Amino acid sequence: MRRKLFVLAALAALASLILAACSPSEPAAEPTDTPAPADESEAEPTQDAEPEPAGDPVEIRWFVGLGTGGNPEQIDAQNAIVDAFNASQDGINLTIEIVENDVAFDTLSTQIAAGNAPDLVGPVGIRGANSFNGRWLDLEPLVESSGYDLSRFAEEQVDAWRTDEGLVAIPFGVFPAVMFYNKALFDEAGLPYPPAAFGEDYDGKPWDIDTMTELARQLTVDANGNDATGAEFDPENIVQFGLEEQWSEPQRLATWFGAASIAQDGKAVVPDEWRDAFNWYYEAIWSDHAIPNDEYRGSDLLAAGNPFDSGNVAMAHTHLWYQCCLTNVTDWDLAVVPSYNGTTTAALHADVFRILNTTEHPDEAFEVLAYLTGEAAPDLLESYGAMPADPALSDEFFARLAETYPGVENWDVATASLEFPDIPSHEQDMPNFLQAQERFSAFFSELGSTPDLDVDSRIDALEADLQQIFDASS
């Protein structure tokens, strides 16, 4: 904001200098005896035309809630952006509507059904937008007519937002999956930190799922100080876990073992890699005891639902945005995700702003979108904890993070992880998406809460139920 005020002041000063330069510095020449023009009307002074009265500014509504944006500090940052935009021009009045994430879908659906839809929605990821596919405006004509420069983004990032609806978004923020680790717990155990570069070994072994699982067992400790690799370990009295699938969902976990599609030509098919992932996850909870089950996960030991920030979890597989949710653990750093069967997949979350195709003011809505992804981007990206899709903003972004988290050394992990995105995305659309996602969530809850489960039979049941859900959508 200070930069903007400085620029405005500088422009005002420059305008004053130009006016001064154009003003006469000497008296005007004395009139001559040249006779007046024959047509006296030519000599008559003309009246300046009355200025056209300015119309009311166009109202553009910005809806926040389908993704991030609801935390108190984010609300303050977004409101400041709205104020700054409105102060910068007088043709558009931007208003913001922030709703809780758990009611955002219903709220937006109701507004659309009532013919009272907002113009702009975001930040929103792929999953958050899936339920509204078919309602997004194609931005391609607006990009062309406004001269918006897409060349600053990698071509692949722009193409990622081209769908059957056209160009539905402009690249904005990315959140690659990484491994957070608690340095103090590694130091206490006398174990080396996990790798900070892809292709590096860990303690002489390939950094893969097997190596990570064994490491997680070594870092899982009971009340008597025994780790999960020993015969004396007590799984009923665990005080520290080696690993957490932090704030995850079944598709993201599964994608760790290989990106794939659950919906194949209308058929529900759980890929083999995903079966491996679900079986591994279950074993890691109930046999290896390296990952907390749901009872432990919701306990005070693990901060009642924020396990890694409790200080009692050594590693967490999650996305870069999680750094904004660390309030207790300060001695942490980043490592790369391990591979599976020689393949590395770092699941990618990406947030953008979209325009609904019901807007009555597409040009003005796009002007706001261009502002949010342009001038306002550094402040918004910092607030959302998002890595910029625009490479020109990356240095500033990581410099800010370094100031906030001075103990973190491995920010390069995030940049390197962008080379291993999940294609197709784990947030891909499915027929009857919300109902299908509910069934997936129920399955994931089974894995985390039910001992002695026949995992493969439950995967078969999941597949069959998803097929029914898919069929019901047609």
Protein backbone atom coordinates (compact mmCIF):
# COMPACT_ATOMS: atom_id res chain seq x y z
CA MET A 1 0.00 0.00 0.00
CA ARG A 2 2.87 2.35 0.83
CA ARG A 3 4.29 1.68 -2.64
CA LYS A 4 0.98 2.66 -4.23
CA LEU A 5 0.80 5.95 -2.25
CA PHE A 6 4.36 6.74 -3.24
CA VAL A 7 3.59 6.12 -6.91
CA LEU A 8 0.44 8.30 -6.78
CA ALA A 9 2.41 11.10 -5.13
CA ALA A 10 5.14 10.85 -7.72
CA LEU A 11 2.62 11.03 -10.56
CA ALA A 12 1.01 14.10 -9.03
CA ALA A 13 4.39 15.82 -8.76
CA LEU A 14 5.21 14.95 -12.35
CA ALA A 15 1.90 16.38 -13.53
CA SER A 16 2.68 19.66 -11.73
CA LEU A 17 6.05 19.90 -13.44
CA ILE A 18 4.50 19.34 -16.85
CA LEU A 19 1.86 22.03 -16.28
CA ALA A 20 4.54 24.45 -15.15
CA ALA A 21 6.64 23.74 -18.22
CA CYS A 22 3.68 24.33 -20.53
CA SER A 23 2.69 27.69 -18.87
CA PRO A 24 4.00 30.90 -20.54
CA SER A 25 7.01 32.35 -18.72
CA GLU A 26 6.75 35.75 -20.46
CA PRO A 27 3.83 38.16 -21.04
CA ALA A 28 1.76 37.47 -24.12
CA ALA A 29 2.63 39.47 -27.27
CA GLU A 30 0.84 42.80 -27.69
CA PRO A 31 -2.16 42.64 -30.03
CA THR A 32 -1.53 43.83 -33.59
CA ASP A 33 -3.67 45.97 -35.87
CA THR A 34 -4.71 42.98 -37.94
CA PRO A 35 -8.38 43.43 -38.75
CA ALA A 36 -10.90 41.11 -37.19
CA PRO A 37 -12.05 38.18 -39.27
CA ALA A 38 -14.93 38.83 -41.61
CA ASP A 39 -16.92 36.06 -39.95
CA GLU A 40 -17.36 37.50 -36.48
CA SER A 41 -18.54 34.18 -35.18
CA GLU A 42 -14.99 32.89 -35.52
CA ALA A 43 -13.83 35.48 -33.02
CA GLU A 44 -16.50 34.75 -30.44
CA PRO A 45 -15.34 32.74 -27.44
CA THR A 46 -16.68 29.22 -27.35
CA GLN A 47 -18.36 27.64 -24.36
CA ASP A 48 -16.76 24.46 -22.96
CA ALA A 49 -19.13 21.53 -23.26
CA GLU A 50 -20.75 20.49 -20.00
CA PRO A 51 -19.09 17.28 -18.72
CA GLU A 52 -21.22 14.20 -18.93
CA PRO A 53 -22.41 13.20 -15.48
CA ALA A 54 -20.54 10.17 -14.23
CA GLY A 55 -22.67 7.05 -13.85
CA ASP A 56 -22.82 4.93 -10.75
CA PRO A 57 -19.89 2.54 -10.37
CA VAL A 58 -20.45 -1.04 -11.41
CA GLU A 59 -20.94 -3.36 -8.46
CA ILE A 60 -18.70 -6.46 -8.51
CA ARG A 61 -19.16 -9.09 -5.79
CA TRP A 62 -16.24 -11.28 -4.73
CA PHE A 63 -17.20 -14.55 -3.01
CA VAL A 64 -14.67 -16.18 -0.66
CA GLY A 65 -15.16 -19.54 1.04
CA LEU A 66 -14.85 -22.45 -1.38
CA GLY A 67 -11.13 -22.58 -0.57
CA THR A 68 -8.90 -20.74 1.87
CA GLY A 69 -9.52 -17.13 2.91
CA GLY A 70 -11.54 -17.51 6.11
CA ASN A 71 -8.81 -17.17 8.73
CA PRO A 72 -8.88 -13.86 10.67
CA GLU A 73 -5.56 -12.62 9.27
CA GLN A 74 -6.70 -13.55 5.74
CA ILE A 75 -9.96 -11.65 6.19
CA ASP A 76 -8.03 -8.53 7.19
CA ALA A 77 -5.72 -8.86 4.18
CA GLN A 78 -8.60 -9.36 1.76
CA ASN A 79 -10.53 -6.40 3.13
CA ALA A 80 -7.42 -4.25 2.71
CA ILE A 81 -7.18 -5.37 -0.93
CA VAL A 82 -10.81 -4.39 -1.52
CA ASP A 83 -10.22 -0.95 0.00
CA ALA A 84 -7.08 -0.44 -2.08
CA PHE A 85 -8.81 -1.42 -5.31
CA ASN A 86 -11.79 0.84 -4.71
CA ALA A 87 -9.46 3.74 -3.91
CA SER A 88 -7.52 3.19 -7.13
CA GLN A 89 -10.43 3.89 -9.50
CA ASP A 90 -14.04 5.03 -9.50
CA GLY A 91 -15.69 2.86 -12.14
CA ILE A 92 -16.06 -0.28 -10.05
CA ASN A 93 -17.22 -0.79 -6.49
CA LEU A 94 -15.78 -4.09 -5.30
CA THR A 95 -17.48 -5.80 -2.37
CA ILE A 96 -16.40 -9.00 -0.65
CA GLU A 97 -18.49 -11.76 0.88
CA ILE A 98 -16.62 -14.20 3.12
CA VAL A 99 -18.42 -17.34 4.32
CA GLU A 100 -17.26 -20.34 6.33
CA ASN A 101 -15.82 -23.13 4.21
CA ASP A 102 -18.25 -25.75 5.54
CA VAL A 103 -21.27 -23.79 4.31
CA ALA A 104 -19.73 -22.12 1.25
CA PHE A 105 -21.01 -24.69 -1.25
CA ASP A 106 -24.60 -24.46 -0.01
CA THR A 107 -24.43 -20.67 0.18
CA LEU A 108 -23.14 -20.26 -3.35
CA SER A 109 -25.57 -22.87 -4.73
CA THR A 110 -28.47 -21.02 -3.12
CA GLN A 111 -27.34 -17.69 -4.53
CA ILE A 112 -27.01 -19.12 -8.03
CA ALA A 113 -30.44 -20.78 -7.84
CA ALA A 114 -31.99 -17.50 -6.65
CA GLY A 115 -30.45 -15.52 -9.51
CA ASN A 116 -28.28 -13.64 -7.04
CA ALA A 117 -24.89 -15.10 -7.91
CA PRO A 118 -21.66 -13.20 -7.22
CA ASP A 119 -19.40 -12.21 -10.09
CA LEU A 120 -16.04 -13.50 -8.89
CA VAL A 121 -15.20 -16.59 -6.83
CA GLY A 122 -11.89 -17.41 -5.20
CA PRO A 123 -9.46 -18.41 -4.09
CA VAL A 124 -10.75 -21.81 -5.12
CA GLY A 125 -8.98 -25.01 -6.04
CA ILE A 126 -9.92 -27.69 -8.51
CA ARG A 127 -11.98 -29.62 -5.99
CA GLY A 128 -13.85 -26.58 -4.73
CA ALA A 129 -14.84 -25.64 -8.27
CA ASN A 130 -15.84 -29.12 -9.43
CA SER A 131 -19.41 -28.91 -8.22
CA PHE A 132 -19.94 -25.77 -10.29
CA ASN A 133 -18.46 -27.01 -13.55
CA GLY A 134 -20.47 -25.64 -16.45
CA ARG A 135 -20.94 -22.29 -14.70
CA TRP A 136 -17.51 -20.77 -15.24
CA LEU A 137 -16.86 -18.01 -17.75
CA ASP A 138 -14.37 -18.54 -20.58
CA LEU A 139 -11.73 -15.89 -19.97
CA GLU A 140 -9.99 -16.23 -23.33
CA PRO A 141 -11.93 -13.41 -25.07
CA LEU A 142 -11.33 -11.10 -22.10
CA VAL A 143 -7.63 -11.91 -22.06
CA GLU A 144 -7.44 -10.97 -25.74
CA SER A 145 -9.55 -7.81 -25.53
CA SER A 146 -7.75 -6.49 -22.44
CA GLY A 147 -4.26 -7.41 -23.58
CA TYR A 148 -3.64 -9.38 -20.40
CA ASP A 149 -0.14 -10.88 -20.54
CA LEU A 150 -0.19 -14.65 -20.04
CA SER A 151 3.41 -15.07 -21.20
CA ARG A 152 4.78 -14.57 -17.69
CA PHE A 153 3.40 -17.97 -16.72
CA ALA A 154 4.70 -21.32 -17.88
CA GLU A 155 2.64 -22.51 -20.82
CA GLU A 156 1.80 -25.73 -18.97
CA GLN A 157 0.32 -23.78 -16.07
CA VAL A 158 -1.97 -21.82 -18.36
CA ASP A 159 -3.02 -24.93 -20.27
CA ALA A 160 -3.88 -26.63 -16.99
CA TRP A 161 -6.84 -24.27 -16.72
CA ARG A 162 -8.19 -24.92 -20.20
CA THR A 163 -11.26 -27.14 -19.99
CA ASP A 164 -14.36 -27.84 -22.05
CA GLU A 165 -15.60 -24.47 -20.77
CA GLY A 166 -12.55 -22.68 -22.18
CA LEU A 167 -9.88 -20.88 -20.14
CA VAL A 168 -11.59 -20.90 -16.74
CA ALA A 169 -8.83 -19.29 -14.67
CA ILE A 170 -5.54 -17.39 -14.65
CA PRO A 171 -2.65 -19.11 -12.81
CA PHE A 172 -2.24 -17.68 -9.33
CA GLY A 173 -1.08 -19.77 -6.35
CA VAL A 174 0.36 -23.26 -6.07
CA PHE A 175 0.83 -25.54 -3.05
CA PRO A 176 3.04 -28.56 -3.76
CA ALA A 177 3.03 -31.53 -1.38
CA VAL A 178 6.13 -31.73 0.82
CA MET A 179 7.33 -33.42 4.00
CA PHE A 180 7.36 -31.24 7.11
CA TYR A 181 9.63 -32.58 9.82
CA ASN A 182 10.31 -31.68 13.44
CA LYS A 183 14.06 -31.18 13.75
CA ALA A 184 14.02 -31.42 17.55
CA LEU A 185 12.53 -34.92 17.46
CA PHE A 186 15.09 -36.10 14.92
CA ASP A 187 17.89 -34.61 17.02
CA GLU A 188 16.56 -36.27 20.16
CA ALA A 189 16.53 -39.65 18.38
CA GLY A 190 19.97 -39.08 16.89
CA LEU A 191 18.66 -39.63 13.36
CA PRO A 192 19.66 -37.69 10.22
CA TYR A 193 17.09 -35.40 8.67
CA PRO A 194 15.19 -36.63 5.59
CA PRO A 195 16.49 -35.56 2.15
CA ALA A 196 16.07 -32.01 0.90
CA ALA A 197 16.63 -32.91 -2.77
CA PHE A 198 15.04 -35.43 -5.08
CA GLY A 199 17.29 -38.36 -5.89
CA GLU A 200 19.18 -38.22 -2.59
CA ASP A 201 19.41 -41.34 -0.41
CA TYR A 202 18.51 -41.46 3.25
CA ASP A 203 21.21 -43.00 5.43
CA GLY A 204 22.45 -45.07 2.49
CA LYS A 205 18.99 -46.20 1.34
CA PRO A 206 16.74 -44.88 -1.45
CA TRP A 207 14.31 -42.31 -0.12
CA ASP A 208 11.14 -44.28 -0.86
CA ILE A 209 7.97 -45.28 0.97
CA ASP A 210 9.64 -48.29 2.60
CA THR A 211 12.56 -46.25 3.95
CA MET A 212 10.21 -43.55 5.20
CA THR A 213 7.98 -46.12 6.93
CA GLU A 214 10.92 -47.68 8.77
CA LEU A 215 12.11 -44.21 9.79
CA ALA A 216 8.63 -43.37 11.05
CA ARG A 217 8.62 -46.51 13.21
CA GLN A 218 11.93 -45.46 14.76
CA LEU A 219 10.40 -42.09 15.60
CA THR A 220 7.23 -43.56 17.14
CA VAL A 221 7.69 -43.82 20.90
CA ASP A 222 5.60 -45.15 23.80
CA ALA A 223 5.37 -43.79 27.34
CA ASN A 224 8.30 -45.95 28.43
CA GLY A 225 10.62 -44.64 25.72
CA ASN A 226 10.42 -47.70 23.47
CA ASP A 227 10.17 -47.11 19.74
CA ALA A 228 7.86 -49.03 17.41
CA THR A 229 10.65 -51.22 16.03
CA GLY A 230 11.14 -53.02 19.38
CA ALA A 231 9.27 -55.93 20.96
CA GLU A 232 8.63 -53.97 24.17
CA PHE A 233 6.74 -51.21 22.39
CA ASP A 234 3.23 -50.52 23.83
CA PRO A 235 0.79 -49.34 21.10
CA GLU A 236 -1.81 -48.48 23.73
CA ASN A 237 0.40 -45.79 25.26
CA ILE A 238 2.01 -43.94 22.37
CA VAL A 239 3.30 -40.46 23.18
CA GLN A 240 4.99 -39.65 19.87
CA PHE A 241 4.25 -40.67 16.29
CA GLY A 242 6.69 -40.84 13.42
CA LEU A 243 4.34 -39.78 10.63
CA GLU A 244 1.03 -38.12 9.95
CA GLU A 245 -0.98 -37.85 6.75
CA GLN A 246 -1.84 -34.31 7.80
CA TRP A 247 -5.34 -33.04 6.95
CA SER A 248 -5.58 -35.43 4.04
CA GLU A 249 -8.19 -37.19 1.98
CA PRO A 250 -8.07 -40.65 0.39
CA GLN A 251 -7.31 -39.45 -3.14
CA ARG A 252 -4.32 -37.37 -2.07
CA LEU A 253 -2.93 -40.25 -0.04
CA ALA A 254 -3.47 -42.60 -2.99
CA THR A 255 -1.85 -40.19 -5.46
CA TRP A 256 1.34 -40.36 -3.37
CA PHE A 257 1.67 -43.88 -4.79
CA GLY A 258 0.86 -42.77 -8.34
CA ALA A 259 -1.43 -40.29 -10.09
CA ALA A 260 -4.47 -41.94 -11.64
CA SER A 261 -8.15 -41.48 -12.33
CA ILE A 262 -10.91 -43.13 -10.33
CA ALA A 263 -13.47 -42.44 -13.07
CA GLN A 264 -12.56 -44.10 -16.35
CA ASP A 265 -15.16 -43.69 -19.12
CA GLY A 266 -17.94 -43.63 -16.56
CA LYS A 267 -16.58 -46.67 -14.72
CA ALA A 268 -15.38 -46.57 -11.13
CA VAL A 269 -12.00 -48.28 -11.02
CA VAL A 270 -9.64 -48.15 -8.04
CA PRO A 271 -6.15 -48.29 -9.63
CA ASP A 272 -3.66 -50.86 -8.36
CA GLU A 273 -1.37 -48.11 -7.02
CA TRP A 274 -4.25 -46.77 -4.99
CA ARG A 275 -5.00 -50.21 -3.56
CA ASP A 276 -1.36 -50.37 -2.51
CA ALA A 277 -1.66 -46.95 -0.89
CA PHE A 278 -4.77 -47.81 1.12
CA ASN A 279 -3.29 -51.09 2.32
CA TRP A 280 -0.02 -49.37 3.26
CA TYR A 281 -1.85 -46.65 5.17
CA TYR A 282 -3.87 -49.18 7.12
CA GLU A 283 -0.79 -51.22 7.99
CA ALA A 284 1.09 -48.08 9.03
CA ILE A 285 -1.71 -47.29 11.49
CA TRP A 286 -2.67 -50.67 12.92
CA SER A 287 0.44 -52.85 12.49
CA ASP A 288 3.39 -50.45 12.39
CA HIS A 289 1.68 -47.93 14.71
CA ALA A 290 3.69 -45.21 12.98
CA ILE A 291 0.62 -43.15 11.98
CA PRO A 292 -2.04 -42.22 14.57
CA ASN A 293 -5.48 -43.76 14.31
CA ASP A 294 -8.49 -41.47 14.51
CA GLU A 295 -8.79 -41.79 18.29
CA TYR A 296 -5.22 -40.65 18.83
CA ARG A 297 -5.59 -38.04 16.07
CA GLY A 298 -8.43 -36.29 17.85
CA SER A 299 -6.84 -36.42 21.30
CA ASP A 300 -5.16 -33.65 23.26
CA LEU A 301 -1.85 -35.45 22.72
CA LEU A 302 -2.08 -34.45 19.05
CA ALA A 303 -3.57 -30.98 19.54
CA ALA A 304 -7.12 -32.25 19.03
CA GLY A 305 -6.81 -32.53 15.28
CA ASN A 306 -3.63 -30.68 14.32
CA PRO A 307 -1.15 -33.51 14.97
CA PHE A 308 2.12 -32.12 13.62
CA ASP A 309 1.68 -28.81 15.44
CA SER A 310 1.30 -30.71 18.73
CA GLY A 311 5.06 -31.29 18.74
CA ASN A 312 4.45 -35.02 19.10
CA VAL A 313 4.74 -35.98 15.41
CA ALA A 314 8.09 -36.23 13.65
CA MET A 315 7.00 -35.98 9.99
CA ALA A 316 3.87 -34.83 8.17
CA HIS A 317 2.97 -35.32 4.53
CA THR A 318 0.94 -32.29 3.48
CA HIS A 319 1.02 -29.19 1.29
CA LEU A 320 3.05 -26.00 1.51
CA TRP A 321 0.02 -24.06 2.72
CA TYR A 322 0.30 -25.88 6.05
CA GLN A 323 3.07 -23.52 7.16
CA CYS A 324 0.40 -20.95 7.97
CA CYS A 325 -1.16 -23.34 10.52
CA LEU A 326 1.93 -23.91 12.65
CA THR A 327 1.64 -22.00 15.91
CA ASN A 328 3.37 -24.30 18.39
CA VAL A 329 6.17 -26.11 16.56
CA THR A 330 8.85 -23.67 15.43
CA ASP A 331 11.89 -25.90 14.90
CA TRP A 332 10.83 -27.47 11.59
CA ASP A 333 12.00 -27.76 8.00
CA LEU A 334 10.99 -29.27 4.67
CA ALA A 335 12.00 -32.49 2.95
CA VAL A 336 11.04 -33.98 -0.41
CA VAL A 337 8.34 -36.62 -0.65
CA PRO A 338 9.60 -40.20 -1.02
CA SER A 339 9.08 -42.21 -4.18
CA TYR A 340 7.06 -45.38 -4.73
CA ASN A 341 8.21 -48.07 -7.14
CA GLY A 342 10.64 -45.60 -8.66
CA THR A 343 8.03 -42.90 -9.30
CA THR A 344 7.82 -39.60 -7.41
CA THR A 345 4.51 -37.77 -7.14
CA ALA A 346 4.10 -34.52 -5.22
CA ALA A 347 0.37 -33.84 -5.20
CA LEU A 348 -0.42 -30.27 -6.19
CA HIS A 349 -3.03 -27.90 -4.85
CA ALA A 350 -3.60 -24.74 -6.86
CA ASP A 351 -5.80 -21.75 -6.05
CA VAL A 352 -7.23 -19.37 -8.62
CA PHE A 353 -10.02 -16.86 -9.10
CA ARG A 354 -12.90 -17.65 -11.44
CA ILE A 355 -15.77 -15.64 -12.92
CA LEU A 356 -19.25 -17.09 -13.04
CA ASN A 357 -20.80 -17.05 -16.52
CA THR A 358 -23.93 -15.42 -15.05
CA THR A 359 -22.12 -12.13 -14.41
CA GLU A 360 -23.69 -9.09 -16.04
CA HIS A 361 -20.36 -7.28 -16.04
CA PRO A 362 -17.67 -9.60 -17.43
CA ASP A 363 -15.26 -6.79 -18.39
CA GLU A 364 -15.34 -5.24 -14.93
CA ALA A 365 -15.15 -8.64 -13.23
CA PHE A 366 -12.07 -9.44 -15.29
CA GLU A 367 -10.54 -6.09 -14.34
CA VAL A 368 -10.86 -7.13 -10.71
CA LEU A 369 -9.47 -10.59 -11.46
CA ALA A 370 -6.50 -9.00 -13.22
CA TYR A 371 -5.90 -6.81 -10.16
CA LEU A 372 -6.02 -9.78 -7.77
CA THR A 373 -3.59 -11.80 -9.89
CA GLY A 374 -1.42 -8.75 -10.59
CA GLU A 375 -0.88 -5.80 -8.29
CA ALA A 376 -2.54 -7.43 -5.28
CA ALA A 377 -0.94 -10.84 -5.82
CA PRO A 378 2.08 -10.48 -3.48
CA ASP A 379 -0.07 -9.58 -0.47
CA LEU A 380 -2.73 -12.19 -1.22
CA LEU A 381 -0.18 -14.92 -1.84
CA GLU A 382 1.49 -14.15 1.46
CA SER A 383 -1.85 -14.24 3.27
CA TYR A 384 -2.85 -17.56 1.71
CA GLY A 385 0.59 -19.08 2.17
CA ALA A 386 0.61 -19.80 -1.56
CA MET A 387 3.64 -20.13 -3.73
CA PRO A 388 3.31 -17.80 -6.75
CA ALA A 389 2.55 -19.28 -10.13
CA ASP A 390 4.29 -16.20 -11.53
CA PRO A 391 8.05 -16.89 -11.33
CA ALA A 392 8.77 -13.18 -11.03
CA LEU A 393 7.15 -13.18 -7.57
CA SER A 394 8.89 -16.25 -6.17
CA ASP A 395 11.95 -14.52 -4.70
CA GLU A 396 9.83 -12.03 -2.79
CA PHE A 397 7.51 -14.78 -1.57
CA PHE A 398 10.29 -16.94 -0.18
CA ALA A 399 12.06 -13.91 1.29
CA ARG A 400 8.91 -13.16 3.26
CA LEU A 401 8.64 -16.77 4.43
CA ALA A 402 12.27 -16.70 5.47
CA GLU A 403 11.58 -13.68 7.67
CA THR A 404 8.61 -15.41 9.28
CA TYR A 405 10.34 -18.78 9.68
CA PRO A 406 14.06 -18.03 10.02
CA GLY A 407 14.90 -21.60 11.04
CA VAL A 408 13.70 -23.11 7.75
CA GLU A 409 16.51 -23.75 5.29
CA ASN A 410 14.97 -25.93 2.60
CA TRP A 411 12.52 -23.68 0.76
CA ASP A 412 13.95 -25.03 -2.51
CA VAL A 413 12.03 -28.23 -1.78
CA ALA A 414 8.81 -26.47 -2.73
CA THR A 415 10.14 -25.26 -6.06
CA ALA A 416 11.62 -28.64 -6.93
CA SER A 417 8.36 -30.39 -6.04
CA LEU A 418 6.55 -28.56 -8.82
CA GLU A 419 8.34 -30.85 -11.27
CA PHE A 420 6.41 -33.87 -9.96
CA PRO A 421 2.72 -32.87 -10.01
CA ASP A 422 -0.11 -35.37 -9.98
CA ILE A 423 -1.54 -35.59 -13.48
CA PRO A 424 -4.44 -36.26 -13.43
CA SER A 425 -5.10 -34.28 -10.28
CA HIS A 426 -6.24 -36.03 -7.12
CA GLU A 427 -8.93 -33.34 -7.01
CA GLN A 428 -10.29 -34.29 -10.43
CA ASP A 429 -14.01 -34.21 -11.07
CA MET A 430 -16.15 -37.32 -10.65
CA PRO A 431 -19.74 -38.00 -11.70
CA ASN A 432 -22.05 -36.92 -8.88
CA PHE A 433 -19.00 -35.40 -7.24
CA LEU A 434 -20.24 -34.52 -3.75
CA GLN A 435 -21.92 -37.85 -3.12
CA ALA A 436 -18.88 -39.70 -4.49
CA GLN A 437 -16.60 -37.68 -2.25
CA GLU A 438 -18.77 -38.46 0.78
CA ARG A 439 -18.41 -42.17 0.03
CA PHE A 440 -14.64 -41.78 -0.29
CA SER A 441 -14.53 -39.95 3.05
CA ALA A 442 -16.52 -42.68 4.78
CA PHE A 443 -14.05 -45.25 3.45
CA PHE A 444 -11.11 -43.20 4.71
CA SER A 445 -12.74 -42.97 8.13
CA GLU A 446 -13.04 -46.78 8.17
CA LEU A 447 -9.31 -47.11 7.61
CA GLY A 448 -8.50 -44.78 10.47
CA SER A 449 -10.95 -46.11 13.03
CA THR A 450 -11.49 -49.85 12.48
CA PRO A 451 -8.98 -52.49 13.57
CA ASP A 452 -8.99 -55.96 11.94
CA LEU A 453 -10.42 -54.63 8.68
CA ASP A 454 -10.26 -56.57 5.41
CA VAL A 455 -8.97 -53.63 3.40
CA ASP A 456 -9.24 -55.18 -0.05
CA SER A 457 -12.87 -56.15 0.51
CA ARG A 458 -13.63 -52.61 1.66
CA ILE A 459 -11.93 -51.27 -1.48
CA ASP A 460 -14.14 -53.57 -3.55
CA ALA A 461 -17.19 -52.22 -1.74
CA LEU A 462 -15.99 -48.66 -2.33
CA GLU A 463 -15.60 -49.36 -6.03
CA ALA A 464 -19.09 -50.88 -6.29
CA ASP A 465 -20.72 -48.02 -4.38
CA LEU A 466 -18.93 -45.41 -6.48
CA GLN A 467 -20.22 -47.11 -9.62
CA GLN A 468 -23.79 -46.78 -8.36
CA ILE A 469 -23.16 -43.14 -7.52
CA PHE A 470 -21.66 -42.50 -10.95
CA ASP A 471 -24.60 -44.21 -12.67
CA ALA A 472 -27.10 -42.13 -10.69
CA SER A 473 -25.64 -38.96 -12.13
CA SER A 474 -26.60 -39.83 -15.73
